[in-house]
Amino acid sequence: MRLGIEELKTKKEKFAEIGIKTPAYDFEKVWEDTRKEPVWLHIGGGNLFRAFHSVLQQRLIEQNEADKGIITVSTINDGMIEKVYHPYDNLCLDVVMKADGTLDMEVIASIAESIAANCPASWQRLKEIFAQPSLQLVTLTITEKGYDLKGMDGEIRESVREEIRQGLEHPKHTMVLLAALLHERYQKGKAPLALVSTDNFSHNGDLLKNAVLTVASMWEEMGIVEKGFVDYLNDPSKITFPWSMIDKITPHPSVTVKEKLEKLGYGSAELIQVNKNSAPIAPFVNTEECEYLVIEDSFPNGRPPLEKAGVYFADREVVDLVERMKVCTCLNPLHTALAIFGCLLDYHSIADEMQDQDLKALIEKIGYDEGMKVVADPGIINPVKFMEEVIEVRFPNPNIPDTPQRIATDTSQKMAIRFGETIKLYVQREDLDVKDLTFIPLTIAAWCRYLMGTSDRGEKMVISPDPLLMEIEQHIGQTQFGNPDSVGDHLRPILSNEKILGVNLYEIGLGDKTEAFFRLLIKGPGAVRNTLHNQLCS
């Protein structure tokens, strides 16, 4: 029994026999209607989208609150569309992994069309979609690096600059592509639209807006577009960039889940390796039960009633408080700390790390002791209860196959938000002294230590992908494992870089402290464990 249209139409009872819920609506009609009058397009069709956004829309369709699905597009050549969308008729098996080891399984059919944006036919189809007045929202899950136009020096990368010079046709960078599609919408009637980043960082809507406007403004300067297009993007009655906070841990597909599915007699459980350096993908997505999505309610062309599927809609101030609570204190910094120290200490499971008393104590110090002092209660979600759920229920769940290596991906794009924002608030608050921070600068130092590519045992380890890795390694590479005296000024270009950390650590009095931690961490084998334990006991 495999995943596909014909199987769903002819073997629904067999899916039910093995505990898989199937769509209770005419999904082929939904697909047809969606392609004619698209309402929702999503950029970045990875695991989080398949486990969260597409499930939300399925809920609305089944409640008769919506009659359209979602169109998804991948702007990177990662094989996702060709390998796990098209071969399975855009269907996906959503697998919720509960703490008791049981699985909730459901076929999701709300994805009406999937597009790989790297061919001329796809580009033409995308322009057709953006020209449709019916389109209400574009959501994105492309991770922090997908919005970044600049290098470590803060200047627009030459490769991006050259792409912008080439104009409006067949762009590759997601922000350039989105700007070009918005220009198509502008030319075809100036219909309104909401562009909603649902990626995990502070004020994500502003970063999206700034990136799109940077491209559009450069085009205006070059004479490629008229000023009216830039005005259109700046008009909130036409185009909005709502802020959002999203939270749902969705790791890479699990071998354990694959084996459980196959044991049930389910045939579409293969793990697909696109290339040797990438994590596997699959026609199923495994995820946790907990989920939160809060969005600023600013949709000039209307929106699906997602509040009926559990989404919170609020004003910008509340979204900001929720997002800061989660991204800057109650989850993401803790995840990143576990990723950094977990890699160094040879862990391959977040749940296993939570059995390590030093690591659990570390994130409690970062969260409860250092971070919670600057958190404001957003009202709709209680920060202390949220963090308790993270530390006591979510991270320790042994059935969530999440790894520190996955979380460590693109860390240079995360540090400014996950730690820099808290540091800034310590600087701004008269009742707090930034020099009292210990475990946040220790984690920043540990990240630099991680970038040496040597585990705490003194053995070579693989560093997760990061867009600034080559630039940062030029500095980290000058330091030597086992030789604290080799540090010199080699950390200064990193610890003073506001693009990476959000602040210049030397200007606020944390630079020397972070360097001192780094020197302790590179003393030799066991230095990471010893330094962490000693700081926790001091």
Protein backbone atom coordinates (compact mmCIF):
# COMPACT_ATOMS: atom_id res chain seq x y z
CA MET A 1 0.00 0.00 0.00
CA ARG A 2 1.60 3.22 -1.20
CA LEU A 3 0.92 6.95 -1.18
CA GLY A 4 -0.89 8.17 -4.29
CA ILE A 5 -4.20 9.29 -5.72
CA GLU A 6 -5.36 5.87 -6.89
CA GLU A 7 -4.44 4.16 -3.64
CA LEU A 8 -6.43 6.75 -1.66
CA LYS A 9 -9.42 6.37 -3.94
CA THR A 10 -9.48 2.56 -3.98
CA LYS A 11 -7.95 1.46 -0.66
CA LYS A 12 -9.24 3.91 1.95
CA GLU A 13 -10.32 1.03 4.17
CA LYS A 14 -6.81 -0.44 4.13
CA PHE A 15 -5.34 2.87 5.28
CA ALA A 16 -7.92 2.88 8.10
CA GLU A 17 -7.05 -0.70 9.09
CA ILE A 18 -3.47 0.28 9.91
CA GLY A 19 -4.47 3.48 11.68
CA ILE A 20 -3.88 6.07 8.95
CA LYS A 21 -6.53 8.77 8.63
CA THR A 22 -7.33 9.83 5.06
CA PRO A 23 -8.91 13.05 3.69
CA ALA A 24 -12.66 13.33 4.20
CA TYR A 25 -13.10 15.69 1.25
CA ASP A 26 -12.85 15.66 -2.55
CA PHE A 27 -9.20 16.66 -2.74
CA GLU A 28 -9.04 16.50 -6.53
CA LYS A 29 -11.75 19.15 -6.78
CA VAL A 30 -9.93 21.26 -4.18
CA TRP A 31 -6.76 20.99 -6.28
CA GLU A 32 -8.55 21.97 -9.47
CA ASP A 33 -10.22 24.97 -7.84
CA THR A 34 -6.93 26.05 -6.24
CA ARG A 35 -5.05 26.03 -9.53
CA LYS A 36 -7.77 28.19 -11.08
CA GLU A 37 -8.06 30.68 -8.21
CA PRO A 38 -5.06 30.37 -5.90
CA VAL A 39 -5.43 31.79 -2.38
CA TRP A 40 -2.27 30.67 -0.58
CA LEU A 41 1.23 30.14 -1.92
CA HIS A 42 4.06 28.88 0.25
CA ILE A 43 7.76 29.27 -0.50
CA GLY A 44 9.93 26.54 0.98
CA GLY A 45 8.16 23.17 0.96
CA GLY A 46 10.26 21.45 3.63
CA ASN A 47 9.32 19.42 6.66
CA LEU A 48 7.92 22.24 8.80
CA PHE A 49 5.55 23.31 6.02
CA ARG A 50 4.36 19.76 5.45
CA ALA A 51 3.87 19.10 9.18
CA PHE A 52 2.22 22.40 10.09
CA HIS A 53 0.97 24.81 7.41
CA SER A 54 -0.49 22.15 5.14
CA VAL A 55 -2.11 20.40 8.11
CA LEU A 56 -3.74 23.66 9.23
CA GLN A 57 -5.32 24.14 5.81
CA GLN A 58 -6.51 20.55 5.73
CA ARG A 59 -8.29 21.19 9.03
CA LEU A 60 -10.09 24.19 7.51
CA ILE A 61 -11.09 22.27 4.39
CA GLU A 62 -12.49 19.43 6.47
CA GLN A 63 -14.44 21.93 8.60
CA ASN A 64 -15.86 23.49 5.40
CA GLU A 65 -14.12 26.73 6.36
CA ALA A 66 -12.01 26.71 3.18
CA ASP A 67 -12.35 25.25 -0.29
CA LYS A 68 -8.84 25.88 -1.60
CA GLY A 69 -5.53 24.26 -0.85
CA ILE A 70 -1.96 25.56 -0.94
CA ILE A 71 0.51 25.87 -3.80
CA THR A 72 4.10 25.32 -2.71
CA VAL A 73 7.28 26.31 -4.46
CA SER A 74 10.90 25.42 -3.80
CA THR A 75 13.42 28.06 -4.81
CA ILE A 76 16.49 25.92 -4.15
CA ASN A 77 17.66 22.91 -6.09
CA ASP A 78 17.35 20.44 -3.20
CA GLY A 79 15.37 17.72 -4.97
CA MET A 80 12.39 18.12 -2.63
CA ILE A 81 9.76 18.73 -5.33
CA GLU A 82 11.11 16.11 -7.72
CA LYS A 83 11.69 13.46 -5.06
CA VAL A 84 8.89 13.72 -2.47
CA TYR A 85 6.13 15.79 -4.05
CA HIS A 86 5.63 14.77 -7.68
CA PRO A 87 6.13 10.99 -7.25
CA TYR A 88 3.45 10.93 -4.54
CA ASP A 89 0.91 13.24 -6.23
CA ASN A 90 1.71 16.04 -3.74
CA LEU A 91 0.36 13.93 -0.88
CA CYS A 92 2.21 13.59 2.40
CA LEU A 93 1.91 11.32 5.43
CA ASP A 94 1.98 13.40 8.62
CA VAL A 95 3.28 11.36 11.57
CA VAL A 96 2.89 12.89 15.04
CA MET A 97 5.24 11.20 17.52
CA LYS A 98 3.75 11.17 20.99
CA ALA A 99 5.74 10.88 24.20
CA ASP A 100 4.19 7.46 24.91
CA GLY A 101 5.66 6.10 21.68
CA THR A 102 2.41 5.95 19.72
CA LEU A 103 1.99 7.54 16.29
CA ASP A 104 -0.89 9.63 14.97
CA MET A 105 -0.84 9.22 11.18
CA GLU A 106 -2.76 11.19 8.58
CA VAL A 107 -2.53 11.64 4.81
CA ILE A 108 -2.43 15.37 4.04
CA ALA A 109 -3.95 16.36 0.70
CA SER A 110 -4.17 20.14 1.01
CA ILE A 111 -1.19 20.75 -1.27
CA ALA A 112 -2.74 21.36 -4.66
CA GLU A 113 0.37 22.04 -6.72
CA SER A 114 4.13 21.92 -6.21
CA ILE A 115 6.61 23.88 -8.26
CA ALA A 116 10.38 23.78 -8.57
CA ALA A 117 11.30 27.33 -9.52
CA ASN A 118 14.39 26.45 -11.51
CA CYS A 119 12.97 26.07 -15.03
CA PRO A 120 11.29 28.42 -17.56
CA ALA A 121 7.89 26.69 -17.42
CA SER A 122 7.82 27.00 -13.64
CA TRP A 123 8.73 30.67 -13.81
CA GLN A 124 5.84 31.35 -16.18
CA ARG A 125 3.45 29.48 -13.89
CA LEU A 126 4.60 31.48 -10.87
CA LYS A 127 3.95 34.73 -12.71
CA GLU A 128 0.44 33.51 -13.54
CA ILE A 129 -0.22 32.75 -9.87
CA PHE A 130 1.02 36.14 -8.68
CA ALA A 131 -1.12 37.90 -11.28
CA GLN A 132 -4.29 36.38 -9.78
CA PRO A 133 -6.31 38.83 -7.62
CA SER A 134 -7.56 35.83 -5.59
CA LEU A 135 -4.10 35.29 -4.04
CA GLN A 136 -4.35 36.41 -0.40
CA LEU A 137 -1.11 35.37 1.24
CA VAL A 138 2.39 34.10 0.59
CA THR A 139 4.06 32.34 3.50
CA LEU A 140 7.72 31.38 3.77
CA THR A 141 9.82 28.80 5.61
CA ILE A 142 13.27 29.23 4.11
CA THR A 143 15.38 29.64 7.31
CA GLU A 144 17.32 32.77 8.22
CA LYS A 145 19.87 32.47 5.44
CA GLY A 146 17.16 32.61 2.76
CA TYR A 147 16.58 36.32 3.49
CA ASP A 148 20.22 37.31 3.63
CA LEU A 149 21.62 39.35 0.75
CA LYS A 150 24.85 40.31 2.52
CA GLY A 151 28.22 38.82 3.42
CA MET A 152 30.05 38.94 6.73
CA ASP A 153 31.24 42.46 5.92
CA GLY A 154 27.66 43.73 5.80
CA GLU A 155 27.80 44.46 2.06
CA ILE A 156 25.55 42.89 -0.56
CA ARG A 157 27.28 39.83 -1.97
CA GLU A 158 28.62 40.31 -5.46
CA SER A 159 26.74 37.23 -6.68
CA VAL A 160 23.46 38.76 -5.46
CA ARG A 161 24.37 42.15 -6.89
CA GLU A 162 25.03 40.57 -10.28
CA GLU A 163 21.71 38.74 -10.17
CA ILE A 164 19.89 41.99 -9.39
CA ARG A 165 21.64 43.65 -12.34
CA GLN A 166 20.28 40.93 -14.64
CA GLY A 167 16.74 42.16 -14.04
CA LEU A 168 13.35 40.58 -13.58
CA GLU A 169 13.52 37.31 -15.50
CA HIS A 170 14.44 33.92 -14.00
CA PRO A 171 16.06 35.04 -10.73
CA LYS A 172 17.52 32.44 -8.36
CA HIS A 173 17.89 34.04 -4.93
CA THR A 174 14.55 33.76 -3.12
CA MET A 175 14.36 37.47 -2.27
CA VAL A 176 15.11 38.50 -5.85
CA LEU A 177 12.59 35.99 -7.14
CA LEU A 178 9.91 37.24 -4.75
CA ALA A 179 10.56 40.87 -5.70
CA ALA A 180 10.22 39.98 -9.38
CA LEU A 181 6.93 38.16 -8.79
CA LEU A 182 5.59 41.11 -6.84
CA HIS A 183 6.47 43.30 -9.79
CA GLU A 184 4.37 40.99 -11.96
CA ARG A 185 1.45 41.48 -9.55
CA TYR A 186 2.01 45.23 -9.63
CA GLN A 187 1.90 45.28 -13.42
CA LYS A 188 -1.23 43.12 -13.56
CA GLY A 189 -3.45 45.33 -11.44
CA LYS A 190 -1.70 46.14 -8.14
CA ALA A 191 -3.82 43.66 -6.17
CA PRO A 192 -3.16 43.53 -2.41
CA LEU A 193 -1.20 40.71 -0.78
CA ALA A 194 0.22 39.67 2.61
CA LEU A 195 3.76 38.27 2.70
CA VAL A 196 4.18 36.25 5.90
CA SER A 197 7.55 34.97 7.02
CA THR A 198 7.03 32.03 9.34
CA ASP A 199 10.71 31.50 10.04
CA ASN A 200 12.19 31.48 13.52
CA PHE A 201 13.71 34.89 14.14
CA SER A 202 12.77 38.23 15.63
CA HIS A 203 10.68 40.64 13.55
CA ASN A 204 10.78 38.25 10.61
CA GLY A 205 8.33 40.38 8.65
CA ASP A 206 10.67 43.36 8.80
CA LEU A 207 13.63 41.34 7.55
CA LEU A 208 11.51 40.07 4.67
CA LYS A 209 10.32 43.59 3.85
CA ASN A 210 13.82 45.04 4.01
CA ALA A 211 15.20 42.36 1.70
CA VAL A 212 12.45 42.76 -0.89
CA LEU A 213 12.69 46.57 -0.77
CA THR A 214 16.47 46.44 -1.11
CA VAL A 215 16.10 44.53 -4.37
CA ALA A 216 13.27 46.74 -5.63
CA SER A 217 15.12 49.96 -4.75
CA MET A 218 18.24 48.80 -6.57
CA TRP A 219 16.11 48.01 -9.61
CA GLU A 220 14.59 51.49 -9.42
CA GLU A 221 18.07 53.05 -9.30
CA MET A 222 19.05 51.00 -12.36
CA GLY A 223 15.92 52.04 -14.26
CA ILE A 224 14.60 48.47 -14.37
CA VAL A 225 11.39 49.31 -12.48
CA GLU A 226 9.49 52.53 -11.92
CA LYS A 227 9.14 54.33 -8.60
CA GLY A 228 5.48 53.31 -8.45
CA PHE A 229 6.53 49.72 -7.81
CA VAL A 230 8.54 50.68 -4.73
CA ASP A 231 5.59 52.81 -3.55
CA TYR A 232 3.30 49.78 -4.01
CA LEU A 233 5.55 47.68 -1.76
CA ASN A 234 5.57 50.44 0.85
CA ASP A 235 1.77 50.88 0.86
CA PRO A 236 0.27 48.83 3.75
CA SER A 237 -3.14 48.97 2.11
CA LYS A 238 -1.59 46.95 -0.72
CA ILE A 239 1.34 44.93 0.61
CA THR A 240 1.94 43.87 4.21
CA PHE A 241 4.74 41.96 5.92
CA PRO A 242 3.15 40.64 9.14
CA TRP A 243 5.31 39.45 12.01
CA SER A 244 4.84 35.89 13.22
CA MET A 245 6.02 33.35 15.78
CA ILE A 246 6.04 29.68 14.84
CA ASP A 247 6.96 26.72 17.00
CA LYS A 248 6.85 23.05 16.08
CA ILE A 249 9.90 20.79 16.30
CA THR A 250 10.10 18.89 13.02
CA PRO A 251 13.30 16.85 12.70
CA HIS A 252 14.64 14.98 9.71
CA PRO A 253 12.75 11.78 8.83
CA SER A 254 13.42 9.06 11.39
CA VAL A 255 14.66 5.56 10.67
CA THR A 256 12.55 4.39 13.59
CA VAL A 257 9.40 5.90 12.09
CA LYS A 258 10.27 4.39 8.72
CA GLU A 259 10.59 0.94 10.29
CA LYS A 260 7.31 1.28 12.20
CA LEU A 261 5.48 2.30 9.01
CA GLU A 262 6.94 -0.59 7.05
CA LYS A 263 5.98 -3.02 9.81
CA LEU A 264 2.38 -1.80 9.44
CA GLY A 265 2.50 -2.59 5.73
CA TYR A 266 2.83 1.00 4.55
CA GLY A 267 5.02 1.13 1.46
CA SER A 268 5.85 4.82 1.01
CA ALA A 269 8.34 5.10 3.86
CA GLU A 270 11.59 5.29 1.94
CA LEU A 271 14.36 7.64 3.03
CA ILE A 272 15.68 9.46 -0.02
CA GLN A 273 19.27 10.71 -0.13
CA VAL A 274 19.46 13.58 -2.61
CA ASN A 275 23.23 13.96 -2.22
CA LYS A 276 25.86 12.66 0.18
CA ASN A 277 26.09 15.93 2.14
CA SER A 278 22.37 16.45 2.76
CA ALA A 279 19.99 14.94 5.27
CA PRO A 280 17.55 12.40 3.85
CA ILE A 281 14.05 13.41 2.80
CA ALA A 282 10.95 11.23 2.73
CA PRO A 283 7.31 11.14 1.59
CA PHE A 284 6.40 11.22 5.27
CA VAL A 285 7.17 13.89 7.85
CA ASN A 286 7.61 13.14 11.55
CA THR A 287 6.94 15.81 14.11
CA GLU A 288 5.97 16.54 17.70
CA GLU A 289 2.47 17.07 19.04
CA CYS A 290 3.02 20.59 20.44
CA GLU A 291 2.60 23.52 18.06
CA TYR A 292 2.15 27.28 18.20
CA LEU A 293 1.62 29.86 15.49
CA VAL A 294 0.94 33.53 16.24
CA ILE A 295 0.54 35.99 13.35
CA GLU A 296 0.03 39.74 13.20
CA ASP A 297 -3.46 40.19 11.76
CA SER A 298 -2.62 42.38 8.77
CA PHE A 299 -4.02 40.90 5.55
CA PRO A 300 -5.13 43.53 3.00
CA ASN A 301 -6.65 40.93 0.64
CA GLY A 302 -8.33 38.79 3.31
CA ARG A 303 -7.12 35.45 4.67
CA PRO A 304 -8.25 31.91 5.51
CA PRO A 305 -9.88 31.67 8.99
CA LEU A 306 -6.86 29.92 10.45
CA GLU A 307 -7.88 30.81 14.00
CA LYS A 308 -10.40 27.97 13.61
CA ALA A 309 -7.44 25.61 13.19
CA GLY A 310 -5.65 26.87 16.29
CA VAL A 311 -3.63 29.84 15.00
CA TYR A 312 -3.48 32.95 17.19
CA PHE A 313 -4.01 36.30 15.46
CA ALA A 314 -2.99 39.41 17.37
CA ASP A 315 -1.66 42.91 16.97
CA ARG A 316 2.04 43.54 16.32
CA GLU A 317 2.87 44.28 19.96
CA VAL A 318 1.54 40.94 21.18
CA VAL A 319 3.24 39.03 18.36
CA ASP A 320 6.49 40.76 19.26
CA LEU A 321 6.18 39.71 22.90
CA VAL A 322 5.35 36.09 22.00
CA GLU A 323 8.12 35.90 19.43
CA ARG A 324 10.73 37.38 21.76
CA MET A 325 9.60 35.02 24.49
CA LYS A 326 10.10 31.97 22.29
CA VAL A 327 12.88 32.88 19.86
CA CYS A 328 15.06 34.90 22.23
CA THR A 329 14.54 33.06 25.53
CA CYS A 330 12.22 30.13 26.04
CA LEU A 331 13.13 27.72 23.24
CA ASN A 332 15.48 28.68 20.43
CA PRO A 333 18.49 29.78 22.54
CA LEU A 334 18.16 26.59 24.56
CA HIS A 335 18.04 24.52 21.37
CA THR A 336 21.13 26.26 20.00
CA ALA A 337 23.05 25.78 23.26
CA LEU A 338 22.20 22.07 23.22
CA ALA A 339 23.26 21.89 19.57
CA ILE A 340 26.67 23.47 20.17
CA PHE A 341 27.57 21.56 23.33
CA GLY A 342 25.91 18.38 22.08
CA CYS A 343 28.09 18.27 18.98
CA LEU A 344 31.21 18.93 21.03
CA LEU A 345 30.29 16.22 23.54
CA ASP A 346 29.45 13.62 20.84
CA TYR A 347 25.69 13.50 21.34
CA HIS A 348 23.39 12.60 18.44
CA SER A 349 20.03 13.09 20.15
CA ILE A 350 18.51 16.13 21.84
CA ALA A 351 16.50 13.79 24.09
CA ASP A 352 19.70 12.04 25.20
CA GLU A 353 21.28 15.39 26.00
CA MET A 354 18.41 16.13 28.37
CA GLN A 355 19.55 13.15 30.47
CA ASP A 356 22.93 14.87 30.93
CA GLN A 357 22.63 16.89 34.14
CA ASP A 358 25.24 19.45 33.05
CA LEU A 359 23.45 20.15 29.77
CA LYS A 360 20.03 20.33 31.36
CA ALA A 361 21.41 22.70 34.01
CA LEU A 362 23.02 24.82 31.27
CA ILE A 363 19.77 25.51 29.47
CA GLU A 364 17.98 26.13 32.77
CA LYS A 365 20.61 28.76 33.58
CA ILE A 366 20.28 30.38 30.13
CA GLY A 367 16.49 30.27 30.24
CA TYR A 368 15.28 30.72 33.80
CA ASP A 369 18.22 32.64 35.29
CA GLU A 370 19.52 34.83 32.46
CA GLY A 371 16.80 35.05 29.84
CA MET A 372 13.60 35.18 31.89
CA LYS A 373 14.67 38.46 33.51
CA VAL A 374 14.00 40.31 30.25
CA VAL A 375 10.88 38.46 29.10
CA ALA A 376 7.53 40.25 29.10
CA ASP A 377 4.38 38.15 29.45
CA PRO A 378 2.49 38.37 26.11
CA GLY A 379 -0.79 37.43 27.76
CA ILE A 380 -1.84 34.69 25.36
CA ILE A 381 0.98 32.26 26.29
CA ASN A 382 2.60 32.12 29.74
CA PRO A 383 6.44 32.27 29.42
CA VAL A 384 7.28 30.18 32.49
CA LYS A 385 4.79 27.45 31.60
CA PHE A 386 5.98 27.51 27.99
CA MET A 387 9.61 27.03 29.08
CA GLU A 388 8.66 24.29 31.54
CA GLU A 389 6.94 22.44 28.71
CA VAL A 390 10.05 22.81 26.54
CA ILE A 391 12.51 21.61 29.18
CA GLU A 392 10.44 18.96 30.92
CA VAL A 393 8.28 17.57 28.09
CA ARG A 394 9.35 18.53 24.58
CA PHE A 395 13.14 18.31 24.54
CA PRO A 396 13.25 15.06 26.60
CA ASN A 397 10.72 13.27 24.35
CA PRO A 398 12.69 10.17 23.23
CA ASN A 399 10.38 9.68 20.28
CA ILE A 400 11.43 12.96 18.67
CA PRO A 401 14.55 11.96 16.69
CA ASP A 402 16.09 15.42 16.68
CA THR A 403 19.84 15.87 16.60
CA PRO A 404 22.22 18.62 17.73
CA GLN A 405 23.82 18.38 14.30
CA ARG A 406 20.56 19.46 12.62
CA ILE A 407 20.00 22.31 15.05
CA ALA A 408 23.62 23.49 14.58
CA THR A 409 22.98 24.22 10.89
CA ASP A 410 23.36 27.92 9.94
CA THR A 411 24.18 28.97 13.50
CA SER A 412 25.87 32.18 12.32
CA GLN A 413 22.45 33.33 11.13
CA LYS A 414 20.86 32.63 14.53
CA MET A 415 23.23 34.01 17.16
CA ALA A 416 22.14 37.65 16.89
CA ILE A 417 18.53 36.74 17.53
CA ARG A 418 18.85 33.88 19.98
CA PHE A 419 21.44 35.55 22.21
CA GLY A 420 22.08 39.07 20.94
CA GLU A 421 18.59 40.34 21.73
CA THR A 422 18.85 39.30 25.38
CA ILE A 423 22.30 40.88 25.64
CA LYS A 424 20.92 44.15 24.22
CA LEU A 425 18.15 44.24 26.81
CA TYR A 426 20.67 43.75 29.60
CA VAL A 427 22.57 46.75 28.24
CA GLN A 428 19.42 48.87 28.01
CA ARG A 429 17.95 48.01 31.43
CA GLU A 430 19.18 50.11 34.36
CA ASP A 431 18.34 47.34 36.82
CA LEU A 432 20.54 44.76 35.06
CA ASP A 433 24.29 44.50 34.47
CA VAL A 434 25.32 42.80 31.23
CA LYS A 435 28.57 41.71 32.88
CA ASP A 436 26.54 39.44 35.15
CA LEU A 437 25.80 37.19 32.16
CA THR A 438 27.79 33.97 32.26
CA PHE A 439 26.11 31.16 30.38
CA ILE A 440 25.21 33.14 27.26
CA PRO A 441 28.84 34.28 26.70
CA LEU A 442 29.96 30.74 27.56
CA THR A 443 27.70 29.42 24.79
CA ILE A 444 29.02 32.00 22.32
CA ALA A 445 32.55 30.91 23.21
CA ALA A 446 31.52 27.27 22.79
CA TRP A 447 30.20 28.07 19.32
CA CYS A 448 33.62 29.44 18.37
CA ARG A 449 35.13 26.29 19.90
CA TYR A 450 32.71 24.15 17.86
CA LEU A 451 33.86 25.89 14.67
CA MET A 452 37.35 24.45 15.20
CA GLY A 453 35.86 21.12 14.02
CA THR A 454 37.36 19.19 16.94
CA SER A 455 35.27 17.36 19.52
CA ASP A 456 35.89 17.51 23.25
CA ARG A 457 37.74 14.19 22.89
CA GLY A 458 40.16 15.93 20.57
CA GLU A 459 38.91 14.12 17.47
CA LYS A 460 37.87 15.62 14.15
CA MET A 461 34.12 16.22 13.77
CA VAL A 462 31.92 17.39 10.93
CA ILE A 463 30.68 20.99 11.17
CA SER A 464 27.08 21.52 10.06
CA PRO A 465 26.53 23.72 6.97
CA ASP A 466 26.68 27.48 7.51
CA PRO A 467 26.72 30.28 4.90
CA LEU A 468 29.48 32.19 6.76
CA LEU A 469 31.60 29.15 7.56
CA MET A 470 34.43 29.91 5.15
CA GLU A 471 34.67 33.54 6.27
CA ILE A 472 34.64 32.66 9.97
CA GLU A 473 37.12 29.80 9.59
CA GLN A 474 39.71 32.30 8.37
CA HIS A 475 39.82 33.59 11.95
CA ILE A 476 39.06 30.44 13.95
CA GLY A 477 41.62 28.54 11.90
CA GLN A 478 44.37 30.67 13.41
CA THR A 479 43.71 29.22 16.87
CA GLN A 480 45.10 25.87 17.96
CA PHE A 481 43.45 23.12 19.99
CA GLY A 482 45.49 22.60 23.14
CA ASN A 483 47.17 26.01 22.93
CA PRO A 484 45.19 28.79 24.67
CA ASP A 485 48.01 31.26 23.92
CA SER A 486 47.23 30.93 20.19
CA VAL A 487 43.98 32.89 20.54
CA GLY A 488 45.57 36.34 20.31
CA ASP A 489 43.18 38.70 18.52
CA HIS A 490 41.77 36.03 16.23
CA LEU A 491 38.31 36.01 17.87
CA ARG A 492 37.92 39.77 17.72
CA PRO A 493 36.55 39.94 14.12
CA ILE A 494 33.80 37.50 15.18
CA LEU A 495 32.96 38.75 18.67
CA SER A 496 32.88 42.37 17.50
CA ASN A 497 30.70 41.63 14.46
CA GLU A 498 27.20 43.03 15.04
CA LYS A 499 25.86 41.23 11.97
CA ILE A 500 26.71 37.89 13.57
CA LEU A 501 26.03 38.57 17.26
CA GLY A 502 23.74 41.60 17.15
CA VAL A 503 26.19 43.52 19.34
CA ASN A 504 29.90 44.23 19.59
CA LEU A 505 30.79 42.21 22.67
CA TYR A 506 33.89 44.30 23.38
CA GLU A 507 31.96 47.57 23.45
CA ILE A 508 29.55 46.27 26.08
CA GLY A 509 32.13 44.51 28.26
CA LEU A 510 31.62 40.83 27.30
CA GLY A 511 34.37 40.41 24.71
CA ASP A 512 37.21 39.61 27.11
CA LYS A 513 34.97 37.34 29.18
CA THR A 514 33.97 35.35 26.09
CA GLU A 515 37.61 35.10 24.97
CA ALA A 516 38.57 33.81 28.45
CA PHE A 517 35.93 31.09 28.20
CA PHE A 518 37.22 30.14 24.75
CA ARG A 519 40.76 29.76 26.11
CA LEU A 520 39.45 27.40 28.77
CA LEU A 521 37.46 25.41 26.22
CA ILE A 522 40.49 24.74 23.96
CA LYS A 523 42.94 23.65 26.68
CA GLY A 524 42.76 20.03 25.54
CA PRO A 525 40.61 16.89 25.63
CA GLY A 526 37.85 17.16 28.23
CA ALA A 527 38.14 20.94 28.53
CA VAL A 528 34.59 21.58 27.28
CA ARG A 529 33.06 19.26 29.87
CA ASN A 530 35.30 20.54 32.65
CA THR A 531 34.64 24.20 31.87
CA LEU A 532 30.89 23.69 31.65
CA HIS A 533 30.74 21.68 34.88
CA ASN A 534 32.96 24.10 36.78
CA GLN A 535 30.88 27.12 35.75
CA LEU A 536 27.69 25.37 36.82
CA CYS A 537 29.19 24.55 40.21
CA SER A 538 30.76 27.95 40.86
